[in-house]
Amino acid sequence: SFLNIRNMVSDVKKTAYIAAQTLMFEQNSDVLWVNFLSMITPLLDQLMSGQGLSDYKVIKNPTNEKAKLKATIKLYPIYAVEDFDITIELSDEDVSVV
């Protein structure tokens, strides 16, 4: 159950990890944040266009440490339908013709 969501989260974590490794030892400035966003946003946009996500947010968290960048990636997934509950009713109604 929810295997597609686990795979999606794994892909996002992998992309964020690669972006963090690529940008390590860069100057901690607004340019670094923009570069980080530019590396992870294409995957998130692709997940939205592919009907995997309804929305996402990437939030930069404040930190007191100078050499650390903290971020939160919030994902709002679209859940797959695993069960259908369909009811079919037949009824005999009175029909009047005027």
C-alpha atoms as a PDB file:
ATOM      1  CA  SER A   1       0.000   0.000   0.000  1.00  0.00           C
ATOM      2  CA  PHE A   2       1.193   3.489  -0.876  1.00  0.00           C
ATOM      3  CA  LEU A   3       4.252   2.133  -2.707  1.00  0.00           C
ATOM      4  CA  ASN A   4       4.010   4.899  -5.302  1.00  0.00           C
ATOM      5  CA  ILE A   5       4.238   7.553  -2.564  1.00  0.00           C
ATOM      6  CA  ARG A   6       7.241   5.850  -0.971  1.00  0.00           C
ATOM      7  CA  ASN A   7       9.014   5.765  -4.335  1.00  0.00           C
ATOM      8  CA  MET A   8       8.175   9.425  -4.948  1.00  0.00           C
ATOM      9  CA  VAL A   9       9.555  10.482  -1.539  1.00  0.00           C
ATOM     10  CA  SER A  10      12.668   8.412  -2.190  1.00  0.00           C
ATOM     11  CA  ASP A  11      13.211  10.213  -5.510  1.00  0.00           C
ATOM     12  CA  VAL A  12      12.796  13.626  -3.866  1.00  0.00           C
ATOM     13  CA  LYS A  13      15.222  12.693  -1.067  1.00  0.00           C
ATOM     14  CA  LYS A  14      17.779  11.476  -3.596  1.00  0.00           C
ATOM     15  CA  THR A  15      17.503  14.683  -5.638  1.00  0.00           C
ATOM     16  CA  ALA A  16      17.824  16.864  -2.514  1.00  0.00           C
ATOM     17  CA  TYR A  17      20.866  14.857  -1.400  1.00  0.00           C
ATOM     18  CA  ILE A  18      22.571  15.232  -4.790  1.00  0.00           C
ATOM     19  CA  ALA A  19      21.812  18.975  -4.800  1.00  0.00           C
ATOM     20  CA  ALA A  20      23.241  19.350  -1.275  1.00  0.00           C
ATOM     21  CA  GLN A  21      26.388  17.406  -2.187  1.00  0.00           C
ATOM     22  CA  THR A  22      26.863  19.470  -5.342  1.00  0.00           C
ATOM     23  CA  LEU A  23      26.498  22.798  -3.539  1.00  0.00           C
ATOM     24  CA  MET A  24      28.597  21.906  -0.504  1.00  0.00           C
ATOM     25  CA  PHE A  25      31.369  24.395   0.333  1.00  0.00           C
ATOM     26  CA  GLU A  26      29.627  27.198  -1.598  1.00  0.00           C
ATOM     27  CA  GLN A  27      29.080  30.590   0.018  1.00  0.00           C
ATOM     28  CA  ASN A  28      25.993  30.568   2.269  1.00  0.00           C
ATOM     29  CA  SER A  29      24.042  33.326   0.521  1.00  0.00           C
ATOM     30  CA  ASP A  30      20.799  33.861  -1.324  1.00  0.00           C
ATOM     31  CA  VAL A  31      22.508  32.644  -4.504  1.00  0.00           C
ATOM     32  CA  LEU A  32      23.095  29.266  -2.850  1.00  0.00           C
ATOM     33  CA  TRP A  33      19.381  29.022  -1.974  1.00  0.00           C
ATOM     34  CA  VAL A  34      18.378  29.881  -5.558  1.00  0.00           C
ATOM     35  CA  ASN A  35      20.808  27.289  -6.919  1.00  0.00           C
ATOM     36  CA  PHE A  36      19.439  24.660  -4.525  1.00  0.00           C
ATOM     37  CA  LEU A  37      15.880  25.439  -5.606  1.00  0.00           C
ATOM     38  CA  SER A  38      16.843  25.301  -9.263  1.00  0.00           C
ATOM     39  CA  MET A  39      18.215  21.787  -8.772  1.00  0.00           C
ATOM     40  CA  ILE A  40      15.168  20.305  -7.001  1.00  0.00           C
ATOM     41  CA  THR A  41      12.273  22.239  -8.548  1.00  0.00           C
ATOM     42  CA  PRO A  42      12.338  20.470 -11.957  1.00  0.00           C
ATOM     43  CA  LEU A  43      11.645  17.088 -10.334  1.00  0.00           C
ATOM     44  CA  LEU A  44       8.876  18.534  -8.173  1.00  0.00           C
ATOM     45  CA  ASP A  45       7.287  20.244 -11.194  1.00  0.00           C
ATOM     46  CA  GLN A  46       7.517  16.984 -13.132  1.00  0.00           C
ATOM     47  CA  LEU A  47       5.751  15.157 -10.288  1.00  0.00           C
ATOM     48  CA  MET A  48       2.981  17.774 -10.365  1.00  0.00           C
ATOM     49  CA  SER A  49       2.500  17.527 -14.126  1.00  0.00           C
ATOM     50  CA  GLY A  50       2.519  13.726 -13.906  1.00  0.00           C
ATOM     51  CA  GLN A  51      -0.352  13.735 -11.378  1.00  0.00           C
ATOM     52  CA  GLY A  52       1.821  12.566  -8.477  1.00  0.00           C
ATOM     53  CA  LEU A  53       1.586  15.776  -6.453  1.00  0.00           C
ATOM     54  CA  SER A  54      -1.170  18.313  -6.058  1.00  0.00           C
ATOM     55  CA  ASP A  55       1.266  20.870  -4.599  1.00  0.00           C
ATOM     56  CA  TYR A  56       4.642  21.261  -2.899  1.00  0.00           C
ATOM     57  CA  LYS A  57       6.459  23.864  -0.828  1.00  0.00           C
ATOM     58  CA  VAL A  58      10.183  24.322  -0.250  1.00  0.00           C
ATOM     59  CA  ILE A  59      10.758  26.348   2.900  1.00  0.00           C
ATOM     60  CA  LYS A  60      14.085  27.725   4.091  1.00  0.00           C
ATOM     61  CA  ASN A  61      14.313  27.266   7.859  1.00  0.00           C
ATOM     62  CA  PRO A  62      16.224  29.738  10.022  1.00  0.00           C
ATOM     63  CA  THR A  63      19.341  28.493  11.773  1.00  0.00           C
ATOM     64  CA  ASN A  64      21.833  29.988  14.203  1.00  0.00           C
ATOM     65  CA  GLU A  65      24.747  28.106  12.689  1.00  0.00           C
ATOM     66  CA  LYS A  66      26.700  29.905   9.974  1.00  0.00           C
ATOM     67  CA  ALA A  67      27.769  26.812   8.084  1.00  0.00           C
ATOM     68  CA  LYS A  68      24.376  25.141   7.799  1.00  0.00           C
ATOM     69  CA  LEU A  69      21.432  25.466   5.456  1.00  0.00           C
ATOM     70  CA  LYS A  70      18.142  24.003   6.677  1.00  0.00           C
ATOM     71  CA  ALA A  71      15.137  23.423   4.466  1.00  0.00           C
ATOM     72  CA  THR A  72      11.795  21.646   4.614  1.00  0.00           C
ATOM     73  CA  ILE A  73      10.190  20.139   1.533  1.00  0.00           C
ATOM     74  CA  LYS A  74       6.446  19.658   1.984  1.00  0.00           C
ATOM     75  CA  LEU A  75       4.796  17.293  -0.463  1.00  0.00           C
ATOM     76  CA  TYR A  76       1.054  17.083  -1.023  1.00  0.00           C
ATOM     77  CA  PRO A  77       0.539  13.772  -2.870  1.00  0.00           C
ATOM     78  CA  ILE A  78      -2.430  12.661  -4.905  1.00  0.00           C
ATOM     79  CA  TYR A  79      -3.319   9.225  -3.623  1.00  0.00           C
ATOM     80  CA  ALA A  80      -4.004   6.420  -6.072  1.00  0.00           C
ATOM     81  CA  VAL A  81      -7.360   4.665  -5.998  1.00  0.00           C
ATOM     82  CA  GLU A  82      -6.859   1.138  -4.721  1.00  0.00           C
ATOM     83  CA  ASP A  83     -10.492   0.102  -4.255  1.00  0.00           C
ATOM     84  CA  PHE A  84     -13.667   0.966  -6.077  1.00  0.00           C
ATOM     85  CA  ASP A  85     -17.031   0.955  -4.338  1.00  0.00           C
ATOM     86  CA  ILE A  86     -19.683   1.176  -7.034  1.00  0.00           C
ATOM     87  CA  THR A  87     -23.387   0.827  -6.381  1.00  0.00           C
ATOM     88  CA  ILE A  88     -25.873   0.219  -9.185  1.00  0.00           C
ATOM     89  CA  GLU A  89     -29.546   0.674  -8.414  1.00  0.00           C
ATOM     90  CA  LEU A  90     -32.460  -0.359 -10.587  1.00  0.00           C
ATOM     91  CA  SER A  91     -35.883   0.887  -9.720  1.00  0.00           C
ATOM     92  CA  ASP A  92     -39.328   0.770 -11.183  1.00  0.00           C
ATOM     93  CA  GLU A  93     -40.816   4.215 -10.962  1.00  0.00           C
ATOM     94  CA  ASP A  94     -44.297   5.331 -11.892  1.00  0.00           C
ATOM     95  CA  VAL A  95     -44.262   7.030 -15.250  1.00  0.00           C
ATOM     96  CA  SER A  96     -47.072   9.325 -16.294  1.00  0.00           C
ATOM     97  CA  VAL A  97     -47.573  10.701 -19.768  1.00  0.00           C
ATOM     98  CA  VAL A  98     -49.738  13.758 -20.187  1.00  0.00           C
END
